[in-house]
Amino acid sequence: MTRCPKCNTSVDEILESGFVGCEKCYEIPEIRDAVKKMYKGKKHKETL
């Protein structure tokens, strides 16, 4: 089971809850891939 080296949150916990434990969690390949699939290239836009 892959865990974040900084906060020790597991990939399973992140995928189940939808919440990451810290900024380092986004460096885990499985999480990075999941985020790419969720947003499918969409970018956040600033609204005025």
PDB file of N, CA and C in Angstrom:
ATOM      1  N   MET A   1       0.854  -1.175   0.000  1.00  0.00           N
ATOM      2  CA  MET A   1       0.000   0.000   0.000  1.00  0.00           C
ATOM      3  C   MET A   1       0.903   1.243   0.000  1.00  0.00           C
ATOM      4  N   THR A   2       0.657   2.113  -0.952  1.00  0.00           N
ATOM      5  CA  THR A   2       1.461   3.325  -1.068  1.00  0.00           C
ATOM      6  C   THR A   2       0.963   4.368  -0.064  1.00  0.00           C
ATOM      7  N   ARG A   3       1.927   5.001   0.596  1.00  0.00           N
ATOM      8  CA  ARG A   3       1.613   6.050   1.571  1.00  0.00           C
ATOM      9  C   ARG A   3       2.437   7.286   1.277  1.00  0.00           C
ATOM     10  N   CYS A   4       1.910   8.433   1.629  1.00  0.00           N
ATOM     11  CA  CYS A   4       2.637   9.688   1.479  1.00  0.00           C
ATOM     12  C   CYS A   4       3.817   9.689   2.450  1.00  0.00           C
ATOM     13  N   PRO A   5       5.003  10.051   1.958  1.00  0.00           N
ATOM     14  CA  PRO A   5       6.172  10.060   2.841  1.00  0.00           C
ATOM     15  C   PRO A   5       6.130  11.153   3.900  1.00  0.00           C
ATOM     16  N   LYS A   6       5.321  12.184   3.689  1.00  0.00           N
ATOM     17  CA  LYS A   6       5.268  13.287   4.653  1.00  0.00           C
ATOM     18  C   LYS A   6       4.190  13.081   5.716  1.00  0.00           C
ATOM     19  N   CYS A   7       2.950  12.787   5.282  1.00  0.00           N
ATOM     20  CA  CYS A   7       1.838  12.725   6.248  1.00  0.00           C
ATOM     21  C   CYS A   7       1.349  11.304   6.530  1.00  0.00           C
ATOM     22  N   ASN A   8       1.884  10.335   5.772  1.00  0.00           N
ATOM     23  CA  ASN A   8       1.567   8.923   5.964  1.00  0.00           C
ATOM     24  C   ASN A   8       0.134   8.549   5.570  1.00  0.00           C
ATOM     25  N   THR A   9      -0.566   9.394   4.834  1.00  0.00           N
ATOM     26  CA  THR A   9      -1.906   9.064   4.346  1.00  0.00           C
ATOM     27  C   THR A   9      -1.762   8.068   3.208  1.00  0.00           C
ATOM     28  N   SER A  10      -2.597   7.026   3.208  1.00  0.00           N
ATOM     29  CA  SER A  10      -2.493   6.010   2.158  1.00  0.00           C
ATOM     30  C   SER A  10      -3.267   6.447   0.915  1.00  0.00           C
ATOM     31  N   VAL A  11      -2.875   5.892  -0.221  1.00  0.00           N
ATOM     32  CA  VAL A  11      -3.576   6.168  -1.476  1.00  0.00           C
ATOM     33  C   VAL A  11      -5.036   5.743  -1.353  1.00  0.00           C
ATOM     34  N   ASP A  12      -5.288   4.602  -0.734  1.00  0.00           N
ATOM     35  CA  ASP A  12      -6.672   4.135  -0.544  1.00  0.00           C
ATOM     36  C   ASP A  12      -7.499   5.141   0.248  1.00  0.00           C
ATOM     37  N   GLU A  13      -6.919   5.693   1.303  1.00  0.00           N
ATOM     38  CA  GLU A  13      -7.635   6.698   2.111  1.00  0.00           C
ATOM     39  C   GLU A  13      -7.970   7.928   1.273  1.00  0.00           C
ATOM     40  N   ILE A  14      -7.022   8.362   0.462  1.00  0.00           N
ATOM     41  CA  ILE A  14      -7.234   9.548  -0.375  1.00  0.00           C
ATOM     42  C   ILE A  14      -8.325   9.281  -1.401  1.00  0.00           C
ATOM     43  N   LEU A  15      -8.260   8.133  -2.076  1.00  0.00           N
ATOM     44  CA  LEU A  15      -9.251   7.816  -3.094  1.00  0.00           C
ATOM     45  C   LEU A  15     -10.638   7.603  -2.510  1.00  0.00           C
ATOM     46  N   GLU A  16     -10.717   7.050  -1.303  1.00  0.00           N
ATOM     47  CA  GLU A  16     -12.015   6.848  -0.637  1.00  0.00           C
ATOM     48  C   GLU A  16     -12.645   8.158  -0.197  1.00  0.00           C
ATOM     49  N   SER A  17     -11.840   9.016   0.425  1.00  0.00           N
ATOM     50  CA  SER A  17     -12.382  10.237   1.006  1.00  0.00           C
ATOM     51  C   SER A  17     -12.426  11.410   0.031  1.00  0.00           C
ATOM     52  N   GLY A  18     -11.514  11.400  -0.943  1.00  0.00           N
ATOM     53  CA  GLY A  18     -11.407  12.535  -1.860  1.00  0.00           C
ATOM     54  C   GLY A  18     -10.565  13.669  -1.297  1.00  0.00           C
ATOM     55  N   PHE A  19      -9.982  13.453  -0.132  1.00  0.00           N
ATOM     56  CA  PHE A  19      -9.156  14.471   0.514  1.00  0.00           C
ATOM     57  C   PHE A  19      -7.719  13.993   0.626  1.00  0.00           C
ATOM     58  N   VAL A  20      -6.778  14.869   0.283  1.00  0.00           N
ATOM     59  CA  VAL A  20      -5.369  14.540   0.461  1.00  0.00           C
ATOM     60  C   VAL A  20      -4.935  14.988   1.846  1.00  0.00           C
ATOM     61  N   GLY A  21      -3.850  14.394   2.319  1.00  0.00           N
ATOM     62  CA  GLY A  21      -3.374  14.733   3.648  1.00  0.00           C
ATOM     63  C   GLY A  21      -2.487  15.970   3.675  1.00  0.00           C
ATOM     64  N   CYS A  22      -1.732  16.185   2.588  1.00  0.00           N
ATOM     65  CA  CYS A  22      -0.824  17.327   2.522  1.00  0.00           C
ATOM     66  C   CYS A  22      -0.437  17.575   1.065  1.00  0.00           C
ATOM     67  N   GLU A  23       0.393  18.563   0.842  1.00  0.00           N
ATOM     68  CA  GLU A  23       0.797  18.905  -0.524  1.00  0.00           C
ATOM     69  C   GLU A  23       1.643  17.815  -1.181  1.00  0.00           C
ATOM     70  N   LYS A  24       2.360  17.035  -0.398  1.00  0.00           N
ATOM     71  CA  LYS A  24       3.199  15.962  -0.932  1.00  0.00           C
ATOM     72  C   LYS A  24       2.371  14.811  -1.506  1.00  0.00           C
ATOM     73  N   CYS A  25       1.129  14.671  -1.049  1.00  0.00           N
ATOM     74  CA  CYS A  25       0.260  13.597  -1.550  1.00  0.00           C
ATOM     75  C   CYS A  25       0.085  13.696  -3.059  1.00  0.00           C
ATOM     76  N   TYR A  26       0.116  14.910  -3.599  1.00  0.00           N
ATOM     77  CA  TYR A  26      -0.063  15.106  -5.034  1.00  0.00           C
ATOM     78  C   TYR A  26       1.127  14.590  -5.840  1.00  0.00           C
ATOM     79  N   GLU A  27       2.220  14.259  -5.193  1.00  0.00           N
ATOM     80  CA  GLU A  27       3.392  13.723  -5.876  1.00  0.00           C
ATOM     81  C   GLU A  27       3.335  12.205  -6.026  1.00  0.00           C
ATOM     82  N   ILE A  28       2.382  11.550  -5.379  1.00  0.00           N
ATOM     83  CA  ILE A  28       2.220  10.102  -5.489  1.00  0.00           C
ATOM     84  C   ILE A  28       1.638   9.804  -6.874  1.00  0.00           C
ATOM     85  N   PRO A  29       2.299   8.949  -7.663  1.00  0.00           N
ATOM     86  CA  PRO A  29       1.844   8.707  -9.035  1.00  0.00           C
ATOM     87  C   PRO A  29       0.361   8.331  -9.159  1.00  0.00           C
ATOM     88  N   GLU A  30      -0.145   7.481  -8.283  1.00  0.00           N
ATOM     89  CA  GLU A  30      -1.556   7.071  -8.362  1.00  0.00           C
ATOM     90  C   GLU A  30      -2.494   8.254  -8.154  1.00  0.00           C
ATOM     91  N   ILE A  31      -2.127   9.156  -7.261  1.00  0.00           N
ATOM     92  CA  ILE A  31      -2.965  10.331  -6.985  1.00  0.00           C
ATOM     93  C   ILE A  31      -2.859  11.318  -8.136  1.00  0.00           C
ATOM     94  N   ARG A  32      -1.675  11.527  -8.632  1.00  0.00           N
ATOM     95  CA  ARG A  32      -1.482  12.426  -9.776  1.00  0.00           C
ATOM     96  C   ARG A  32      -2.324  11.949 -10.968  1.00  0.00           C
ATOM     97  N   ASP A  33      -2.314  10.631 -11.237  1.00  0.00           N
ATOM     98  CA  ASP A  33      -3.102  10.072 -12.339  1.00  0.00           C
ATOM     99  C   ASP A  33      -4.600  10.218 -12.088  1.00  0.00           C
ATOM    100  N   ALA A  34      -5.027   9.995 -10.850  1.00  0.00           N
ATOM    101  CA  ALA A  34      -6.447  10.124 -10.521  1.00  0.00           C
ATOM    102  C   ALA A  34      -6.928  11.561 -10.703  1.00  0.00           C
ATOM    103  N   VAL A  35      -6.117  12.527 -10.307  1.00  0.00           N
ATOM    104  CA  VAL A  35      -6.485  13.940 -10.453  1.00  0.00           C
ATOM    105  C   VAL A  35      -6.598  14.297 -11.931  1.00  0.00           C
ATOM    106  N   LYS A  36      -5.663  13.811 -12.742  1.00  0.00           N
ATOM    107  CA  LYS A  36      -5.720  14.075 -14.183  1.00  0.00           C
ATOM    108  C   LYS A  36      -7.006  13.520 -14.783  1.00  0.00           C
ATOM    109  N   LYS A  37      -7.401  12.313 -14.372  1.00  0.00           N
ATOM    110  CA  LYS A  37      -8.628  11.698 -14.885  1.00  0.00           C
ATOM    111  C   LYS A  37      -9.867  12.468 -14.434  1.00  0.00           C
ATOM    112  N   MET A  38      -9.858  12.936 -13.196  1.00  0.00           N
ATOM    113  CA  MET A  38     -11.022  13.663 -12.668  1.00  0.00           C
ATOM    114  C   MET A  38     -11.255  14.963 -13.405  1.00  0.00           C
ATOM    115  N   TYR A  39     -10.198  15.690 -13.690  1.00  0.00           N
ATOM    116  CA  TYR A  39     -10.338  17.017 -14.283  1.00  0.00           C
ATOM    117  C   TYR A  39     -10.211  17.015 -15.796  1.00  0.00           C
ATOM    118  N   LYS A  40      -9.722  15.946 -16.368  1.00  0.00           N
ATOM    119  CA  LYS A  40      -9.637  15.768 -17.822  1.00  0.00           C
ATOM    120  C   LYS A  40      -9.182  17.018 -18.558  1.00  0.00           C
ATOM    121  N   GLY A  41      -8.128  17.635 -18.065  1.00  0.00           N
ATOM    122  CA  GLY A  41      -7.563  18.788 -18.749  1.00  0.00           C
ATOM    123  C   GLY A  41      -8.246  20.109 -18.448  1.00  0.00           C
ATOM    124  N   LYS A  42      -9.284  20.104 -17.618  1.00  0.00           N
ATOM    125  CA  LYS A  42      -9.955  21.354 -17.278  1.00  0.00           C
ATOM    126  C   LYS A  42      -9.052  22.198 -16.409  1.00  0.00           C
ATOM    127  N   LYS A  43      -9.146  23.485 -16.570  1.00  0.00           N
ATOM    128  CA  LYS A  43      -8.339  24.395 -15.771  1.00  0.00           C
ATOM    129  C   LYS A  43      -9.259  25.296 -14.969  1.00  0.00           C
ATOM    130  N   HIS A  44      -8.815  25.676 -13.794  1.00  0.00           N
ATOM    131  CA  HIS A  44      -9.576  26.612 -12.980  1.00  0.00           C
ATOM    132  C   HIS A  44      -9.543  27.976 -13.643  1.00  0.00           C
ATOM    133  N   LYS A  45     -10.652  28.659 -13.602  1.00  0.00           N
ATOM    134  CA  LYS A  45     -10.733  29.988 -14.202  1.00  0.00           C
ATOM    135  C   LYS A  45     -11.020  31.006 -13.109  1.00  0.00           C
ATOM    136  N   GLU A  46     -10.440  32.162 -13.286  1.00  0.00           N
ATOM    137  CA  GLU A  46     -10.714  33.256 -12.365  1.00  0.00           C
ATOM    138  C   GLU A  46     -11.990  33.953 -12.852  1.00  0.00           C
ATOM    139  N   THR A  47     -12.923  34.145 -11.941  1.00  0.00           N
ATOM    140  CA  THR A  47     -14.141  34.850 -12.313  1.00  0.00           C
ATOM    141  C   THR A  47     -14.095  36.263 -11.769  1.00  0.00           C
ATOM    142  N   LEU A  48     -14.651  37.160 -12.492  1.00  0.00           N
ATOM    143  CA  LEU A  48     -14.645  38.565 -12.073  1.00  0.00           C
ATOM    144  C   LEU A  48     -15.993  38.985 -11.582  1.00  0.00           C
TER     145      LEU A  48
END
